[in-house]
Amino acid sequence: QVQLVESGGGLVQPGGSLRLSCAASGSIFSINVMGWYRQAPGKQRELVARISSTGTTYYADSAKGRFTISRDNARNTVYLQMNSLKPEDTAVYYCNMWNRGIDYWGQGTQVTVSS
């Protein structure tokens, strides 16, 4: 099994920045994909960004140019640097890992963007 623990959420003003972290532990295969999803109240969960163990990245259109996903394979940690935050970025952000054909999820961290 894999355990994911997110951190770094909080309250930030529009235009501000926030950095989310997700530390993974457990039986982690070297080939995997980690990503960040978010879900606002009353809305469906959506993919924000993901990154493979080789560094290949994907960004949702809403995140392109503002967010940067990165990972430290040695520490089994993935990061999401969020810049130029907008109120519509407000959501619970969930860390995800696809490992050995199975999806794992963290408990989520709240990000609130408000003036």
Protein backbone atom coordinates (compact mmCIF):
# COMPACT_ATOMS: atom_id res chain seq x y z
CA GLN A 1 0.00 0.00 0.00
CA VAL A 2 0.89 3.64 -0.45
CA GLN A 3 0.17 6.49 1.93
CA LEU A 4 0.06 10.11 0.80
CA VAL A 5 0.16 13.12 3.11
CA GLU A 6 -0.43 16.63 1.77
CA SER A 7 0.65 19.89 3.35
CA GLY A 8 0.99 23.55 2.46
CA GLY A 9 -2.60 24.62 1.98
CA GLY A 10 -3.96 27.81 3.44
CA LEU A 11 -5.46 31.21 2.81
CA VAL A 12 -3.86 33.48 0.24
CA GLN A 13 -4.86 36.69 -1.52
CA PRO A 14 -5.51 36.81 -5.26
CA GLY A 15 -2.21 37.08 -7.10
CA GLY A 16 -0.38 35.37 -4.29
CA SER A 17 1.53 32.12 -4.23
CA LEU A 18 1.34 28.85 -2.38
CA ARG A 19 3.39 25.68 -2.47
CA LEU A 20 1.80 22.32 -1.80
CA SER A 21 3.78 19.24 -0.83
CA CYS A 22 2.86 15.58 -0.83
CA ALA A 23 5.01 12.95 0.81
CA ALA A 24 4.49 9.35 -0.23
CA SER A 25 5.43 6.27 1.72
CA GLY A 26 4.93 2.55 1.42
CA SER A 27 5.50 0.08 -1.36
CA ILE A 28 6.36 2.48 -4.17
CA PHE A 29 7.51 1.19 -7.51
CA SER A 30 10.14 3.29 -9.24
CA ILE A 31 7.85 3.81 -12.23
CA ASN A 32 4.83 5.79 -11.16
CA VAL A 33 2.86 8.94 -11.76
CA MET A 34 2.00 11.55 -9.15
CA GLY A 35 -0.41 14.39 -9.53
CA TRP A 36 -2.63 16.98 -7.98
CA TYR A 37 -6.39 17.11 -8.27
CA ARG A 38 -8.77 19.64 -6.81
CA GLN A 39 -12.43 19.75 -5.91
CA ALA A 40 -14.50 22.78 -5.06
CA PRO A 41 -17.82 22.47 -3.18
CA GLY A 42 -20.56 21.31 -5.52
CA LYS A 43 -18.12 20.61 -8.34
CA GLN A 44 -16.46 17.51 -9.72
CA ARG A 45 -12.88 16.63 -8.92
CA GLU A 46 -10.54 17.73 -11.67
CA LEU A 47 -6.94 17.05 -12.57
CA VAL A 48 -4.65 20.03 -12.10
CA ALA A 49 -1.24 18.60 -12.96
CA ARG A 50 0.67 15.35 -12.98
CA ILE A 51 4.25 14.23 -13.35
CA SER A 52 5.81 10.86 -14.09
CA SER A 53 8.86 9.38 -12.42
CA THR A 54 10.85 10.38 -15.49
CA GLY A 55 9.75 14.00 -15.27
CA THR A 56 7.08 14.15 -17.96
CA THR A 57 4.44 16.69 -16.96
CA TYR A 58 0.88 17.49 -17.82
CA TYR A 59 -1.09 20.58 -16.88
CA ALA A 60 -4.73 21.42 -17.10
CA ASP A 61 -5.40 24.53 -19.17
CA SER A 62 -6.37 26.38 -16.01
CA ALA A 63 -2.95 25.69 -14.52
CA LYS A 64 -0.68 26.30 -17.49
CA GLY A 65 1.66 29.22 -17.03
CA ARG A 66 0.79 29.64 -13.35
CA PHE A 67 1.42 26.30 -11.67
CA THR A 68 4.53 24.14 -11.68
CA ILE A 69 4.60 20.51 -10.63
CA SER A 70 7.85 18.88 -9.61
CA ARG A 71 9.02 15.85 -7.71
CA ASP A 72 11.93 14.53 -5.73
CA ASN A 73 12.12 10.83 -6.45
CA ALA A 74 14.66 10.21 -3.72
CA ARG A 75 12.25 11.64 -1.15
CA ASN A 76 9.08 10.33 -2.82
CA THR A 77 7.65 13.81 -2.67
CA VAL A 78 5.71 15.83 -5.21
CA TYR A 79 5.22 19.59 -5.12
CA LEU A 80 2.82 22.03 -6.68
CA GLN A 81 4.02 25.61 -6.86
CA MET A 82 1.00 27.83 -7.43
CA ASN A 83 1.56 31.41 -8.53
CA SER A 84 -0.82 34.17 -9.59
CA LEU A 85 -3.60 32.50 -7.68
CA LYS A 86 -7.20 33.34 -8.51
CA PRO A 87 -10.38 32.97 -6.45
CA GLU A 88 -11.45 30.18 -8.79
CA ASP A 89 -8.44 28.18 -7.62
CA THR A 90 -10.17 27.78 -4.26
CA ALA A 91 -10.68 24.08 -3.61
CA VAL A 92 -9.50 21.09 -1.67
CA TYR A 93 -6.36 19.84 -3.35
CA TYR A 94 -5.70 16.12 -3.35
CA CYS A 95 -2.43 14.35 -3.99
CA ASN A 96 -2.61 11.28 -6.20
CA MET A 97 -0.22 8.48 -7.06
CA TRP A 98 -0.68 5.88 -9.75
CA ASN A 99 1.49 2.99 -8.65
CA ARG A 100 1.52 -0.57 -9.98
CA GLY A 101 -1.83 -0.01 -11.65
CA ILE A 102 -3.55 1.36 -8.53
CA ASP A 103 -4.61 4.90 -7.65
CA TYR A 104 -3.86 6.22 -4.18
CA TRP A 105 -5.16 9.43 -2.64
CA GLY A 106 -4.24 11.76 0.15
CA GLN A 107 -6.76 13.33 2.51
CA GLY A 108 -6.58 16.72 0.84
CA THR A 109 -5.49 20.19 1.84
CA GLN A 110 -7.65 23.30 1.63
CA VAL A 111 -6.57 26.19 -0.57
CA THR A 112 -8.58 29.38 -0.27
CA VAL A 113 -7.90 32.39 -2.48
CA SER A 114 -9.73 35.45 -1.23
CA SER A 115 -9.08 39.14 -0.73
